[in-house]
Amino acid sequence: MEQKIQSITEAFSMQPMTLYVGQKVGNCNPLSGEIAEIKEEQINIMINGELKPHDVYRGYGPDGNIIFTYLANSVNVYYAYKE
């Protein structure tokens, strides 16, 4: 069995938002479309003129476009098992 990310929830919010696979999010930018997959990735962020790697969670639409990006240390992650 393989673990897949099912959803993420904002960890430090008074009114946390949960984003899950299959959810259709509103027409506001940048959140728009249906979430087909959530992946953990590493990206480089410029801090004080220096690129530093950071872990993030990104939500992708069915067309492969990025719908959202959250820093990994700012969300709770929920997994589901897939066969």
PDB file of N, CA and C in Angstrom:
ATOM      1  N   MET A   1       0.837  -1.193   0.000  1.00  0.00           N
ATOM      2  CA  MET A   1       0.000   0.000   0.000  1.00  0.00           C
ATOM      3  C   MET A   1       0.874   1.246   0.000  1.00  0.00           C
ATOM      4  N   GLU A   2       0.393   2.249  -0.676  1.00  0.00           N
ATOM      5  CA  GLU A   2       1.115   3.501  -0.809  1.00  0.00           C
ATOM      6  C   GLU A   2       0.335   4.616  -0.102  1.00  0.00           C
ATOM      7  N   GLN A   3       1.064   5.500   0.584  1.00  0.00           N
ATOM      8  CA  GLN A   3       0.424   6.647   1.218  1.00  0.00           C
ATOM      9  C   GLN A   3       0.343   7.801   0.240  1.00  0.00           C
ATOM     10  N   LYS A   4      -0.820   8.397   0.132  1.00  0.00           N
ATOM     11  CA  LYS A   4      -1.028   9.593  -0.691  1.00  0.00           C
ATOM     12  C   LYS A   4      -1.577  10.681   0.217  1.00  0.00           C
ATOM     13  N   ILE A   5      -1.217  11.915  -0.053  1.00  0.00           N
ATOM     14  CA  ILE A   5      -1.751  13.025   0.730  1.00  0.00           C
ATOM     15  C   ILE A   5      -3.211  13.216   0.364  1.00  0.00           C
ATOM     16  N   GLN A   6      -4.074  13.183   1.369  1.00  0.00           N
ATOM     17  CA  GLN A   6      -5.509  13.353   1.171  1.00  0.00           C
ATOM     18  C   GLN A   6      -5.913  14.814   1.324  1.00  0.00           C
ATOM     19  N   SER A   7      -5.332  15.503   2.355  1.00  0.00           N
ATOM     20  CA  SER A   7      -5.684  16.902   2.573  1.00  0.00           C
ATOM     21  C   SER A   7      -4.621  17.589   3.421  1.00  0.00           C
ATOM     22  N   ILE A   8      -4.670  18.925   3.421  1.00  0.00           N
ATOM     23  CA  ILE A   8      -3.848  19.725   4.321  1.00  0.00           C
ATOM     24  C   ILE A   8      -4.763  20.746   4.986  1.00  0.00           C
ATOM     25  N   THR A   9      -4.397  21.133   6.219  1.00  0.00           N
ATOM     26  CA  THR A   9      -5.152  22.134   6.965  1.00  0.00           C
ATOM     27  C   THR A   9      -4.183  23.170   7.515  1.00  0.00           C
ATOM     28  N   GLU A  10      -4.531  24.436   7.373  1.00  0.00           N
ATOM     29  CA  GLU A  10      -3.688  25.497   7.922  1.00  0.00           C
ATOM     30  C   GLU A  10      -3.531  25.283   9.423  1.00  0.00           C
ATOM     31  N   ALA A  11      -2.291  25.355   9.912  1.00  0.00           N
ATOM     32  CA  ALA A  11      -2.014  25.047  11.310  1.00  0.00           C
ATOM     33  C   ALA A  11      -2.116  26.255  12.231  1.00  0.00           C
ATOM     34  N   PHE A  12      -1.828  27.442  11.750  1.00  0.00           N
ATOM     35  CA  PHE A  12      -1.727  28.608  12.619  1.00  0.00           C
ATOM     36  C   PHE A  12      -2.761  29.672  12.281  1.00  0.00           C
ATOM     37  N   SER A  13      -3.977  29.260  12.062  1.00  0.00           N
ATOM     38  CA  SER A  13      -5.030  30.185  11.665  1.00  0.00           C
ATOM     39  C   SER A  13      -6.171  30.120  12.670  1.00  0.00           C
ATOM     40  N   MET A  14      -6.789  31.263  12.923  1.00  0.00           N
ATOM     41  CA  MET A  14      -7.963  31.291  13.805  1.00  0.00           C
ATOM     42  C   MET A  14      -9.155  30.594  13.140  1.00  0.00           C
ATOM     43  N   GLN A  15      -9.205  30.622  11.825  1.00  0.00           N
ATOM     44  CA  GLN A  15     -10.244  29.936  11.063  1.00  0.00           C
ATOM     45  C   GLN A  15      -9.550  29.118   9.979  1.00  0.00           C
ATOM     46  N   PRO A  16      -8.986  27.964  10.362  1.00  0.00           N
ATOM     47  CA  PRO A  16      -8.172  27.193   9.412  1.00  0.00           C
ATOM     48  C   PRO A  16      -8.970  26.676   8.220  1.00  0.00           C
ATOM     49  N   MET A  17      -8.334  26.730   7.065  1.00  0.00           N
ATOM     50  CA  MET A  17      -8.920  26.222   5.837  1.00  0.00           C
ATOM     51  C   MET A  17      -8.341  24.834   5.565  1.00  0.00           C
ATOM     52  N   THR A  18      -9.187  23.908   5.176  1.00  0.00           N
ATOM     53  CA  THR A  18      -8.749  22.580   4.769  1.00  0.00           C
ATOM     54  C   THR A  18      -8.912  22.461   3.266  1.00  0.00           C
ATOM     55  N   LEU A  19      -7.867  21.990   2.607  1.00  0.00           N
ATOM     56  CA  LEU A  19      -7.888  21.767   1.157  1.00  0.00           C
ATOM     57  C   LEU A  19      -7.666  20.280   0.933  1.00  0.00           C
ATOM     58  N   TYR A  20      -8.547  19.627   0.177  1.00  0.00           N
ATOM     59  CA  TYR A  20      -8.446  18.185  -0.008  1.00  0.00           C
ATOM     60  C   TYR A  20      -8.559  17.803  -1.482  1.00  0.00           C
ATOM     61  N   VAL A  21      -8.018  16.644  -1.798  1.00  0.00           N
ATOM     62  CA  VAL A  21      -8.058  16.120  -3.164  1.00  0.00           C
ATOM     63  C   VAL A  21      -9.511  15.916  -3.574  1.00  0.00           C
ATOM     64  N   GLY A  22      -9.857  16.421  -4.748  1.00  0.00           N
ATOM     65  CA  GLY A  22     -11.222  16.329  -5.259  1.00  0.00           C
ATOM     66  C   GLY A  22     -12.050  17.571  -4.975  1.00  0.00           C
ATOM     67  N   GLN A  23     -11.552  18.454  -4.123  1.00  0.00           N
ATOM     68  CA  GLN A  23     -12.281  19.669  -3.772  1.00  0.00           C
ATOM     69  C   GLN A  23     -12.242  20.665  -4.922  1.00  0.00           C
ATOM     70  N   LYS A  24     -13.384  21.302  -5.170  1.00  0.00           N
ATOM     71  CA  LYS A  24     -13.442  22.392  -6.148  1.00  0.00           C
ATOM     72  C   LYS A  24     -13.345  23.687  -5.357  1.00  0.00           C
ATOM     73  N   VAL A  25     -12.325  24.461  -5.676  1.00  0.00           N
ATOM     74  CA  VAL A  25     -12.128  25.724  -4.975  1.00  0.00           C
ATOM     75  C   VAL A  25     -12.591  26.869  -5.846  1.00  0.00           C
ATOM     76  N   GLY A  26     -12.924  28.001  -5.210  1.00  0.00           N
ATOM     77  CA  GLY A  26     -13.568  29.134  -5.862  1.00  0.00           C
ATOM     78  C   GLY A  26     -12.818  29.725  -7.034  1.00  0.00           C
ATOM     79  N   ASN A  27     -13.420  30.746  -7.593  1.00  0.00           N
ATOM     80  CA  ASN A  27     -12.876  31.405  -8.774  1.00  0.00           C
ATOM     81  C   ASN A  27     -11.866  32.488  -8.446  1.00  0.00           C
ATOM     82  N   CYS A  28     -11.527  32.660  -7.148  1.00  0.00           N
ATOM     83  CA  CYS A  28     -10.566  33.707  -6.811  1.00  0.00           C
ATOM     84  C   CYS A  28      -9.151  33.233  -7.131  1.00  0.00           C
ATOM     85  N   ASN A  29      -8.309  34.178  -7.453  1.00  0.00           N
ATOM     86  CA  ASN A  29      -6.934  33.852  -7.823  1.00  0.00           C
ATOM     87  C   ASN A  29      -6.077  33.940  -6.580  1.00  0.00           C
ATOM     88  N   PRO A  30      -5.159  33.026  -6.253  1.00  0.00           N
ATOM     89  CA  PRO A  30      -4.693  31.934  -7.078  1.00  0.00           C
ATOM     90  C   PRO A  30      -5.489  30.647  -6.889  1.00  0.00           C
ATOM     91  N   LEU A  31      -6.380  30.581  -5.899  1.00  0.00           N
ATOM     92  CA  LEU A  31      -7.122  29.346  -5.673  1.00  0.00           C
ATOM     93  C   LEU A  31      -8.292  29.241  -6.639  1.00  0.00           C
ATOM     94  N   SER A  32      -8.182  28.369  -7.639  1.00  0.00           N
ATOM     95  CA  SER A  32      -9.299  28.139  -8.545  1.00  0.00           C
ATOM     96  C   SER A  32      -9.128  26.792  -9.222  1.00  0.00           C
ATOM     97  N   GLY A  33     -10.230  26.106  -9.411  1.00  0.00           N
ATOM     98  CA  GLY A  33     -10.210  24.806 -10.064  1.00  0.00           C
ATOM     99  C   GLY A  33     -10.422  23.664  -9.090  1.00  0.00           C
ATOM    100  N   GLU A  34     -10.217  22.459  -9.577  1.00  0.00           N
ATOM    101  CA  GLU A  34     -10.360  21.260  -8.755  1.00  0.00           C
ATOM    102  C   GLU A  34      -8.981  20.739  -8.392  1.00  0.00           C
ATOM    103  N   ILE A  35      -8.817  20.347  -7.138  1.00  0.00           N
ATOM    104  CA  ILE A  35      -7.531  19.826  -6.677  1.00  0.00           C
ATOM    105  C   ILE A  35      -7.445  18.355  -7.057  1.00  0.00           C
ATOM    106  N   ALA A  36      -6.525  18.017  -7.956  1.00  0.00           N
ATOM    107  CA  ALA A  36      -6.363  16.636  -8.409  1.00  0.00           C
ATOM    108  C   ALA A  36      -5.331  15.892  -7.565  1.00  0.00           C
ATOM    109  N   GLU A  37      -4.342  16.626  -7.038  1.00  0.00           N
ATOM    110  CA  GLU A  37      -3.258  15.982  -6.289  1.00  0.00           C
ATOM    111  C   GLU A  37      -2.570  17.017  -5.408  1.00  0.00           C
ATOM    112  N   ILE A  38      -2.113  16.574  -4.237  1.00  0.00           N
ATOM    113  CA  ILE A  38      -1.298  17.401  -3.351  1.00  0.00           C
ATOM    114  C   ILE A  38       0.029  16.690  -3.178  1.00  0.00           C
ATOM    115  N   LYS A  39       1.137  17.426  -3.410  1.00  0.00           N
ATOM    116  CA  LYS A  39       2.464  16.829  -3.333  1.00  0.00           C
ATOM    117  C   LYS A  39       3.356  17.615  -2.382  1.00  0.00           C
ATOM    118  N   GLU A  40       4.270  16.896  -1.743  1.00  0.00           N
ATOM    119  CA  GLU A  40       5.318  17.551  -0.969  1.00  0.00           C
ATOM    120  C   GLU A  40       6.513  17.747  -1.898  1.00  0.00           C
ATOM    121  N   GLU A  41       7.041  18.965  -1.928  1.00  0.00           N
ATOM    122  CA  GLU A  41       8.156  19.290  -2.811  1.00  0.00           C
ATOM    123  C   GLU A  41       9.145  20.179  -2.068  1.00  0.00           C
ATOM    124  N   GLN A  42      10.300  20.348  -2.666  1.00  0.00           N
ATOM    125  CA  GLN A  42      11.282  21.277  -2.127  1.00  0.00           C
ATOM    126  C   GLN A  42      11.542  22.360  -3.167  1.00  0.00           C
ATOM    127  N   ILE A  43      11.458  23.618  -2.735  1.00  0.00           N
ATOM    128  CA  ILE A  43      11.714  24.742  -3.633  1.00  0.00           C
ATOM    129  C   ILE A  43      12.767  25.644  -2.994  1.00  0.00           C
ATOM    130  N   ASN A  44      13.391  26.485  -3.810  1.00  0.00           N
ATOM    131  CA  ASN A  44      14.360  27.452  -3.306  1.00  0.00           C
ATOM    132  C   ASN A  44      13.674  28.804  -3.162  1.00  0.00           C
ATOM    133  N   ILE A  45      13.868  29.427  -1.979  1.00  0.00           N
ATOM    134  CA  ILE A  45      13.303  30.744  -1.699  1.00  0.00           C
ATOM    135  C   ILE A  45      14.450  31.697  -1.398  1.00  0.00           C
ATOM    136  N   MET A  46      14.400  32.888  -1.983  1.00  0.00           N
ATOM    137  CA  MET A  46      15.436  33.890  -1.774  1.00  0.00           C
ATOM    138  C   MET A  46      15.240  34.556  -0.407  1.00  0.00           C
ATOM    139  N   ILE A  47      16.238  34.424   0.462  1.00  0.00           N
ATOM    140  CA  ILE A  47      16.220  35.057   1.782  1.00  0.00           C
ATOM    141  C   ILE A  47      17.540  35.799   1.953  1.00  0.00           C
ATOM    142  N   ASN A  48      17.465  37.116   2.144  1.00  0.00           N
ATOM    143  CA  ASN A  48      18.654  37.965   2.295  1.00  0.00           C
ATOM    144  C   ASN A  48      19.659  37.747   1.166  1.00  0.00           C
ATOM    145  N   GLY A  49      19.177  37.668  -0.070  1.00  0.00           N
ATOM    146  CA  GLY A  49      20.046  37.532  -1.219  1.00  0.00           C
ATOM    147  C   GLY A  49      20.627  36.146  -1.428  1.00  0.00           C
ATOM    148  N   GLU A  50      20.141  35.169  -0.672  1.00  0.00           N
ATOM    149  CA  GLU A  50      20.662  33.807  -0.783  1.00  0.00           C
ATOM    150  C   GLU A  50      19.508  32.827  -0.985  1.00  0.00           C
ATOM    151  N   LEU A  51      19.653  31.918  -1.953  1.00  0.00           N
ATOM    152  CA  LEU A  51      18.628  30.894  -2.174  1.00  0.00           C
ATOM    153  C   LEU A  51      18.736  29.811  -1.111  1.00  0.00           C
ATOM    154  N   LYS A  52      17.620  29.550  -0.442  1.00  0.00           N
ATOM    155  CA  LYS A  52      17.598  28.516   0.593  1.00  0.00           C
ATOM    156  C   LYS A  52      16.462  27.538   0.294  1.00  0.00           C
ATOM    157  N   PRO A  53      16.712  26.226   0.454  1.00  0.00           N
ATOM    158  CA  PRO A  53      15.671  25.236   0.191  1.00  0.00           C
ATOM    159  C   PRO A  53      14.619  25.203   1.304  1.00  0.00           C
ATOM    160  N   HIS A  54      13.362  25.070   0.892  1.00  0.00           N
ATOM    161  CA  HIS A  54      12.254  24.964   1.837  1.00  0.00           C
ATOM    162  C   HIS A  54      11.302  23.882   1.349  1.00  0.00           C
ATOM    163  N   ASP A  55      10.764  23.105   2.290  1.00  0.00           N
ATOM    164  CA  ASP A  55       9.751  22.107   1.960  1.00  0.00           C
ATOM    165  C   ASP A  55       8.397  22.792   1.876  1.00  0.00           C
ATOM    166  N   VAL A  56       7.638  22.441   0.846  1.00  0.00           N
ATOM    167  CA  VAL A  56       6.311  23.013   0.639  1.00  0.00           C
ATOM    168  C   VAL A  56       5.334  21.906   0.245  1.00  0.00           C
ATOM    169  N   TYR A  57       4.047  22.209   0.386  1.00  0.00           N
ATOM    170  CA  TYR A  57       2.991  21.358  -0.151  1.00  0.00           C
ATOM    171  C   TYR A  57       2.312  22.153  -1.250  1.00  0.00           C
ATOM    172  N   ARG A  58       2.173  21.521  -2.416  1.00  0.00           N
ATOM    173  CA  ARG A  58       1.539  22.164  -3.564  1.00  0.00           C
ATOM    174  C   ARG A  58       0.333  21.352  -4.011  1.00  0.00           C
ATOM    175  N   GLY A  59      -0.726  22.074  -4.331  1.00  0.00           N
ATOM    176  CA  GLY A  59      -1.911  21.456  -4.893  1.00  0.00           C
ATOM    177  C   GLY A  59      -1.931  21.672  -6.385  1.00  0.00           C
ATOM    178  N   TYR A  60      -2.224  20.606  -7.130  1.00  0.00           N
ATOM    179  CA  TYR A  60      -2.237  20.657  -8.588  1.00  0.00           C
ATOM    180  C   TYR A  60      -3.636  20.355  -9.112  1.00  0.00           C
ATOM    181  N   GLY A  61      -3.998  21.037 -10.188  1.00  0.00           N
ATOM    182  CA  GLY A  61      -5.248  20.767 -10.876  1.00  0.00           C
ATOM    183  C   GLY A  61      -5.081  19.613 -11.844  1.00  0.00           C
ATOM    184  N   PRO A  62      -6.174  19.152 -12.458  1.00  0.00           N
ATOM    185  CA  PRO A  62      -6.110  18.045 -13.421  1.00  0.00           C
ATOM    186  C   PRO A  62      -5.204  18.342 -14.614  1.00  0.00           C
ATOM    187  N   ASP A  63      -5.023  19.616 -14.925  1.00  0.00           N
ATOM    188  CA  ASP A  63      -4.179  20.015 -16.053  1.00  0.00           C
ATOM    189  C   ASP A  63      -2.711  20.180 -15.670  1.00  0.00           C
ATOM    190  N   GLY A  64      -2.377  19.932 -14.382  1.00  0.00           N
ATOM    191  CA  GLY A  64      -0.992  20.043 -13.926  1.00  0.00           C
ATOM    192  C   GLY A  64      -0.592  21.413 -13.435  1.00  0.00           C
ATOM    193  N   ASN A  65      -1.508  22.390 -13.512  1.00  0.00           N
ATOM    194  CA  ASN A  65      -1.202  23.737 -13.025  1.00  0.00           C
ATOM    195  C   ASN A  65      -1.221  23.771 -11.500  1.00  0.00           C
ATOM    196  N   ILE A  66      -0.336  24.583 -10.929  1.00  0.00           N
ATOM    197  CA  ILE A  66      -0.285  24.738  -9.474  1.00  0.00           C
ATOM    198  C   ILE A  66      -1.451  25.615  -9.027  1.00  0.00           C
ATOM    199  N   ILE A  67      -2.238  25.119  -8.070  1.00  0.00           N
ATOM    200  CA  ILE A  67      -3.370  25.868  -7.533  1.00  0.00           C
ATOM    201  C   ILE A  67      -2.969  26.603  -6.259  1.00  0.00           C
ATOM    202  N   PHE A  68      -2.163  25.955  -5.404  1.00  0.00           N
ATOM    203  CA  PHE A  68      -1.715  26.600  -4.174  1.00  0.00           C
ATOM    204  C   PHE A  68      -0.363  26.050  -3.748  1.00  0.00           C
ATOM    205  N   THR A  69       0.335  26.825  -2.901  1.00  0.00           N
ATOM    206  CA  THR A  69       1.599  26.417  -2.295  1.00  0.00           C
ATOM    207  C   THR A  69       1.587  26.868  -0.842  1.00  0.00           C
ATOM    208  N   TYR A  70       1.885  25.958   0.077  1.00  0.00           N
ATOM    209  CA  TYR A  70       1.996  26.272   1.505  1.00  0.00           C
ATOM    210  C   TYR A  70       3.335  25.775   2.014  1.00  0.00           C
ATOM    211  N   LEU A  71       4.001  26.549   2.864  1.00  0.00           N
ATOM    212  CA  LEU A  71       5.203  26.068   3.535  1.00  0.00           C
ATOM    213  C   LEU A  71       4.835  24.858   4.389  1.00  0.00           C
ATOM    214  N   ALA A  72       5.694  23.846   4.391  1.00  0.00           N
ATOM    215  CA  ALA A  72       5.398  22.593   5.084  1.00  0.00           C
ATOM    216  C   ALA A  72       5.197  22.788   6.587  1.00  0.00           C
ATOM    217  N   ASN A  73       5.909  23.737   7.184  1.00  0.00           N
ATOM    218  CA  ASN A  73       5.775  23.920   8.627  1.00  0.00           C
ATOM    219  C   ASN A  73       4.564  24.770   9.012  1.00  0.00           C
ATOM    220  N   SER A  74       3.693  25.080   8.054  1.00  0.00           N
ATOM    221  CA  SER A  74       2.508  25.889   8.352  1.00  0.00           C
ATOM    222  C   SER A  74       1.196  25.129   8.175  1.00  0.00           C
ATOM    223  N   VAL A  75       1.266  23.821   7.899  1.00  0.00           N
ATOM    224  CA  VAL A  75       0.051  23.028   7.681  1.00  0.00           C
ATOM    225  C   VAL A  75       0.142  21.670   8.383  1.00  0.00           C
ATOM    226  N   ASN A  76      -1.027  21.114   8.676  1.00  0.00           N
ATOM    227  CA  ASN A  76      -1.141  19.726   9.124  1.00  0.00           C
ATOM    228  C   ASN A  76      -1.513  18.898   7.902  1.00  0.00           C
ATOM    229  N   VAL A  77      -0.919  17.719   7.778  1.00  0.00           N
ATOM    230  CA  VAL A  77      -1.100  16.891   6.588  1.00  0.00           C
ATOM    231  C   VAL A  77      -1.824  15.603   6.965  1.00  0.00           C
ATOM    232  N   TYR A  78      -2.784  15.203   6.161  1.00  0.00           N
ATOM    233  CA  TYR A  78      -3.557  13.980   6.377  1.00  0.00           C
ATOM    234  C   TYR A  78      -3.352  13.061   5.176  1.00  0.00           C
ATOM    235  N   TYR A  79      -3.047  11.807   5.467  1.00  0.00           N
ATOM    236  CA  TYR A  79      -2.739  10.836   4.429  1.00  0.00           C
ATOM    237  C   TYR A  79      -3.846   9.802   4.305  1.00  0.00           C
ATOM    238  N   ALA A  80      -3.936   9.196   3.134  1.00  0.00           N
ATOM    239  CA  ALA A  80      -4.836   8.071   2.879  1.00  0.00           C
ATOM    240  C   ALA A  80      -3.996   6.978   2.208  1.00  0.00           C
ATOM    241  N   TYR A  81      -4.345   5.740   2.434  1.00  0.00           N
ATOM    242  CA  TYR A  81      -3.634   4.626   1.802  1.00  0.00           C
ATOM    243  C   TYR A  81      -4.294   4.284   0.487  1.00  0.00           C
ATOM    244  N   LYS A  82      -3.459   4.108  -0.536  1.00  0.00           N
ATOM    245  CA  LYS A  82      -3.932   3.709  -1.869  1.00  0.00           C
ATOM    246  C   LYS A  82      -3.231   2.413  -2.247  1.00  0.00           C
ATOM    247  N   GLU A  83      -3.940   1.535  -2.917  1.00  0.00           N
ATOM    248  CA  GLU A  83      -3.324   0.287  -3.380  1.00  0.00           C
ATOM    249  C   GLU A  83      -2.955   0.381  -4.833  1.00  0.00           C
TER     250      GLU A  83
END
